[in-house]
């Protein structure tokens, strides 16, 4: 049998400048912080202000992002076997 693991992820703020956390539902470890740069930088690299500005501009122009601006969004996902 394959072990089942679940976690809750929370994100607040804009994509480029927001932050969040991942909390394993099992309580086996503490919440882990997550930021956009941590997900997009090369090891030892930095995200430039130009890159952050490009992400903000894309979000501002995206009709879907504008539609959901300020909305509380909840997602539940499961991985299944093929």
N, C-alpha and C. Protein backbone atom coordinates (compact mmCIF):
# COMPACT_ATOMS: atom_id res chain seq x y z
N UNK A 1 0.84 -1.18 0.00
CA UNK A 1 0.00 0.00 0.00
C UNK A 1 0.89 1.25 0.00
N UNK A 2 0.49 2.25 -0.74
CA UNK A 2 1.23 3.50 -0.81
C UNK A 2 0.75 4.41 0.32
N UNK A 3 1.71 5.01 1.01
CA UNK A 3 1.36 5.92 2.10
C UNK A 3 0.65 7.15 1.54
N UNK A 4 -0.34 7.61 2.26
CA UNK A 4 -1.08 8.81 1.85
C UNK A 4 -0.62 9.99 2.68
N UNK A 5 -0.30 11.10 2.03
CA UNK A 5 0.14 12.31 2.71
C UNK A 5 -0.73 13.47 2.25
N UNK A 6 -1.08 14.33 3.17
CA UNK A 6 -1.85 15.52 2.81
C UNK A 6 -1.20 16.74 3.45
N UNK A 7 -1.43 17.89 2.85
CA UNK A 7 -0.90 19.14 3.36
C UNK A 7 -1.85 20.26 2.99
N UNK A 8 -1.80 21.33 3.74
CA UNK A 8 -2.58 22.51 3.46
C UNK A 8 -1.62 23.63 3.09
N UNK A 9 -1.89 24.29 1.99
CA UNK A 9 -1.05 25.39 1.54
C UNK A 9 -1.85 26.68 1.58
N UNK A 10 -1.24 27.72 2.12
CA UNK A 10 -1.88 29.03 2.21
C UNK A 10 -0.98 30.05 1.54
N UNK A 11 -1.56 30.90 0.68
CA UNK A 11 -0.80 31.96 0.00
C UNK A 11 -1.55 33.26 0.20
N UNK A 12 -0.84 34.31 0.56
CA UNK A 12 -1.45 35.62 0.72
C UNK A 12 -0.63 36.66 -0.03
N UNK A 13 -1.32 37.58 -0.68
CA UNK A 13 -0.64 38.63 -1.42
C UNK A 13 -0.53 38.29 -2.88
N UNK A 14 0.18 39.14 -3.60
CA UNK A 14 0.35 38.92 -5.04
C UNK A 14 1.31 37.76 -5.28
N UNK A 15 1.31 37.27 -6.50
CA UNK A 15 2.17 36.15 -6.83
C UNK A 15 3.64 36.47 -6.58
N UNK A 16 4.09 37.62 -7.07
CA UNK A 16 5.52 37.95 -6.99
C UNK A 16 5.95 38.41 -5.60
N UNK A 17 5.07 39.06 -4.88
CA UNK A 17 5.49 39.65 -3.61
C UNK A 17 4.81 39.03 -2.39
N UNK A 18 3.90 38.11 -2.63
CA UNK A 18 3.21 37.46 -1.52
C UNK A 18 4.08 36.38 -0.88
N UNK A 19 3.51 35.72 0.08
CA UNK A 19 4.19 34.59 0.69
C UNK A 19 3.15 33.63 1.25
N UNK A 20 3.60 32.48 1.64
CA UNK A 20 2.67 31.49 2.14
C UNK A 20 3.38 30.46 2.99
N UNK A 21 2.63 29.38 3.25
CA UNK A 21 3.20 28.30 4.04
C UNK A 21 2.53 26.99 3.65
N UNK A 22 3.25 25.92 3.83
CA UNK A 22 2.75 24.57 3.61
C UNK A 22 2.75 23.88 4.96
N UNK A 23 1.60 23.38 5.35
CA UNK A 23 1.47 22.70 6.64
C UNK A 23 1.05 21.25 6.42
N UNK A 24 1.92 20.31 6.77
CA UNK A 24 1.53 18.90 6.67
C UNK A 24 0.34 18.64 7.59
N UNK A 25 -0.71 18.01 7.07
CA UNK A 25 -1.89 17.75 7.88
C UNK A 25 -1.64 16.71 8.97
N UNK A 26 -0.59 15.93 8.83
CA UNK A 26 -0.28 14.91 9.83
C UNK A 26 0.30 15.49 11.10
N UNK A 27 0.80 16.73 11.04
CA UNK A 27 1.45 17.32 12.20
C UNK A 27 2.86 16.79 12.42
N UNK A 28 3.38 16.05 11.43
CA UNK A 28 4.71 15.43 11.57
C UNK A 28 5.83 16.46 11.56
N UNK A 29 5.59 17.62 10.98
CA UNK A 29 6.61 18.67 10.99
C UNK A 29 5.92 20.02 11.03
N UNK A 30 6.71 21.06 11.30
CA UNK A 30 6.17 22.41 11.36
C UNK A 30 5.85 22.93 9.96
N UNK A 31 5.11 24.03 9.90
CA UNK A 31 4.79 24.67 8.63
C UNK A 31 6.08 25.14 7.96
N UNK A 32 6.12 25.03 6.65
CA UNK A 32 7.28 25.45 5.87
C UNK A 32 6.94 26.73 5.12
N UNK A 33 7.75 27.78 5.24
CA UNK A 33 7.47 29.02 4.51
C UNK A 33 7.75 28.85 3.02
N UNK A 34 6.95 29.55 2.20
CA UNK A 34 7.12 29.51 0.75
C UNK A 34 7.02 30.94 0.23
N UNK A 35 7.93 31.31 -0.68
CA UNK A 35 7.87 32.61 -1.34
C UNK A 35 8.06 32.39 -2.83
N UNK A 36 7.67 33.38 -3.63
CA UNK A 36 7.87 33.29 -5.08
C UNK A 36 9.35 33.16 -5.42
N UNK A 37 10.24 34.00 -4.88
CA UNK A 37 11.65 33.84 -5.23
C UNK A 37 12.19 32.46 -4.87
N UNK A 38 11.75 31.90 -3.76
CA UNK A 38 12.24 30.58 -3.36
C UNK A 38 11.85 29.52 -4.39
N UNK A 39 10.73 29.72 -5.08
CA UNK A 39 10.25 28.76 -6.07
C UNK A 39 10.84 29.01 -7.45
N UNK A 40 11.37 30.21 -7.72
CA UNK A 40 11.79 30.54 -9.08
C UNK A 40 13.27 30.82 -9.25
N UNK A 41 13.99 31.07 -8.17
CA UNK A 41 15.41 31.39 -8.29
C UNK A 41 16.24 30.15 -8.54
N UNK A 42 17.33 30.33 -9.26
CA UNK A 42 18.33 29.28 -9.35
C UNK A 42 19.06 29.25 -8.01
N UNK A 43 19.62 28.10 -7.62
CA UNK A 43 20.35 28.06 -6.35
C UNK A 43 21.38 29.17 -6.27
N UNK A 44 21.32 29.94 -5.21
CA UNK A 44 22.25 31.04 -5.03
C UNK A 44 21.92 32.26 -5.87
N UNK A 45 20.85 32.19 -6.65
CA UNK A 45 20.48 33.29 -7.54
C UNK A 45 19.53 34.27 -6.89
N UNK A 46 19.23 35.30 -7.60
CA UNK A 46 18.31 36.33 -7.13
C UNK A 46 17.30 36.62 -8.21
N UNK A 47 16.11 36.99 -7.79
CA UNK A 47 15.09 37.45 -8.73
C UNK A 47 15.26 38.96 -8.86
N UNK A 48 15.41 39.44 -10.07
CA UNK A 48 15.64 40.87 -10.27
C UNK A 48 14.35 41.66 -10.12
N UNK A 49 14.45 42.95 -9.78
CA UNK A 49 13.24 43.80 -9.73
C UNK A 49 12.48 43.81 -11.05
N UNK A 50 13.21 43.67 -12.18
CA UNK A 50 12.55 43.64 -13.48
C UNK A 50 11.69 42.39 -13.62
N UNK A 51 12.19 41.26 -13.12
CA UNK A 51 11.41 40.03 -13.19
C UNK A 51 10.17 40.13 -12.32
N UNK A 52 10.31 40.69 -11.13
CA UNK A 52 9.15 40.86 -10.25
C UNK A 52 8.14 41.81 -10.87
N UNK A 53 8.62 42.88 -11.50
CA UNK A 53 7.72 43.83 -12.15
C UNK A 53 6.99 43.16 -13.31
N UNK A 54 7.66 42.29 -14.04
CA UNK A 54 7.01 41.58 -15.16
C UNK A 54 5.91 40.67 -14.65
N UNK A 55 6.13 40.00 -13.53
CA UNK A 55 5.10 39.14 -12.95
C UNK A 55 3.91 39.98 -12.50
N UNK A 56 4.17 41.10 -11.83
CA UNK A 56 3.09 41.99 -11.39
C UNK A 56 2.29 42.52 -12.58
N UNK A 57 3.00 42.92 -13.65
CA UNK A 57 2.32 43.45 -14.83
C UNK A 57 1.45 42.37 -15.49
N UNK A 58 1.99 41.16 -15.59
CA UNK A 58 1.21 40.07 -16.18
C UNK A 58 -0.04 39.79 -15.36
N UNK A 59 0.09 39.79 -14.05
CA UNK A 59 -1.08 39.56 -13.18
C UNK A 59 -2.10 40.69 -13.33
N UNK A 60 -1.63 41.93 -13.45
CA UNK A 60 -2.53 43.07 -13.58
C UNK A 60 -3.29 43.05 -14.90
N UNK A 61 -2.67 42.52 -15.95
CA UNK A 61 -3.31 42.48 -17.27
C UNK A 61 -4.13 41.22 -17.51
N UNK A 62 -3.93 40.21 -16.70
CA UNK A 62 -4.60 38.92 -16.90
C UNK A 62 -6.07 39.03 -16.49
N UNK A 63 -7.01 38.76 -17.39
CA UNK A 63 -8.42 38.88 -17.04
C UNK A 63 -8.85 37.91 -15.95
N UNK A 64 -8.25 36.74 -15.90
CA UNK A 64 -8.60 35.77 -14.86
C UNK A 64 -8.09 36.26 -13.50
N UNK A 65 -6.87 36.78 -13.45
CA UNK A 65 -6.33 37.33 -12.20
C UNK A 65 -7.20 38.48 -11.71
N UNK A 66 -7.63 39.34 -12.63
CA UNK A 66 -8.47 40.47 -12.24
C UNK A 66 -9.83 39.99 -11.77
N UNK A 67 -10.37 38.96 -12.40
CA UNK A 67 -11.66 38.42 -12.00
C UNK A 67 -11.64 37.90 -10.56
N UNK A 68 -10.54 37.25 -10.19
CA UNK A 68 -10.45 36.64 -8.87
C UNK A 68 -9.72 37.49 -7.84
N UNK A 69 -9.36 38.72 -8.17
CA UNK A 69 -8.66 39.60 -7.23
C UNK A 69 -9.50 39.76 -5.96
N UNK A 70 -8.89 39.52 -4.84
CA UNK A 70 -9.57 39.69 -3.57
C UNK A 70 -10.45 38.52 -3.17
N UNK A 71 -10.56 37.51 -4.02
CA UNK A 71 -11.41 36.35 -3.71
C UNK A 71 -10.63 35.35 -2.85
N UNK A 72 -11.33 34.72 -1.93
CA UNK A 72 -10.74 33.61 -1.16
C UNK A 72 -10.91 32.35 -2.00
N UNK A 73 -9.82 31.69 -2.30
CA UNK A 73 -9.85 30.51 -3.14
C UNK A 73 -9.36 29.31 -2.35
N UNK A 74 -10.08 28.22 -2.43
CA UNK A 74 -9.72 26.99 -1.74
C UNK A 74 -9.59 25.89 -2.78
N UNK A 75 -8.61 25.04 -2.65
CA UNK A 75 -8.37 23.98 -3.62
C UNK A 75 -8.08 22.69 -2.88
N UNK A 76 -8.65 21.64 -3.35
CA UNK A 76 -8.36 20.30 -2.81
C UNK A 76 -7.92 19.45 -3.99
N UNK A 77 -6.79 18.77 -3.86
CA UNK A 77 -6.27 17.97 -4.96
C UNK A 77 -5.84 16.61 -4.46
N UNK A 78 -5.93 15.63 -5.33
CA UNK A 78 -5.49 14.27 -5.02
C UNK A 78 -4.68 13.74 -6.17
N UNK A 79 -3.65 12.99 -5.87
CA UNK A 79 -2.88 12.30 -6.90
C UNK A 79 -3.42 10.88 -7.00
N UNK A 80 -3.63 10.42 -8.21
CA UNK A 80 -4.11 9.07 -8.41
C UNK A 80 -3.09 8.24 -9.16
N UNK A 81 -3.26 6.98 -9.14
CA UNK A 81 -2.35 6.11 -9.89
C UNK A 81 -2.82 6.00 -11.32
N UNK A 82 -1.87 5.80 -12.22
CA UNK A 82 -2.20 5.74 -13.65
C UNK A 82 -2.73 4.38 -14.02
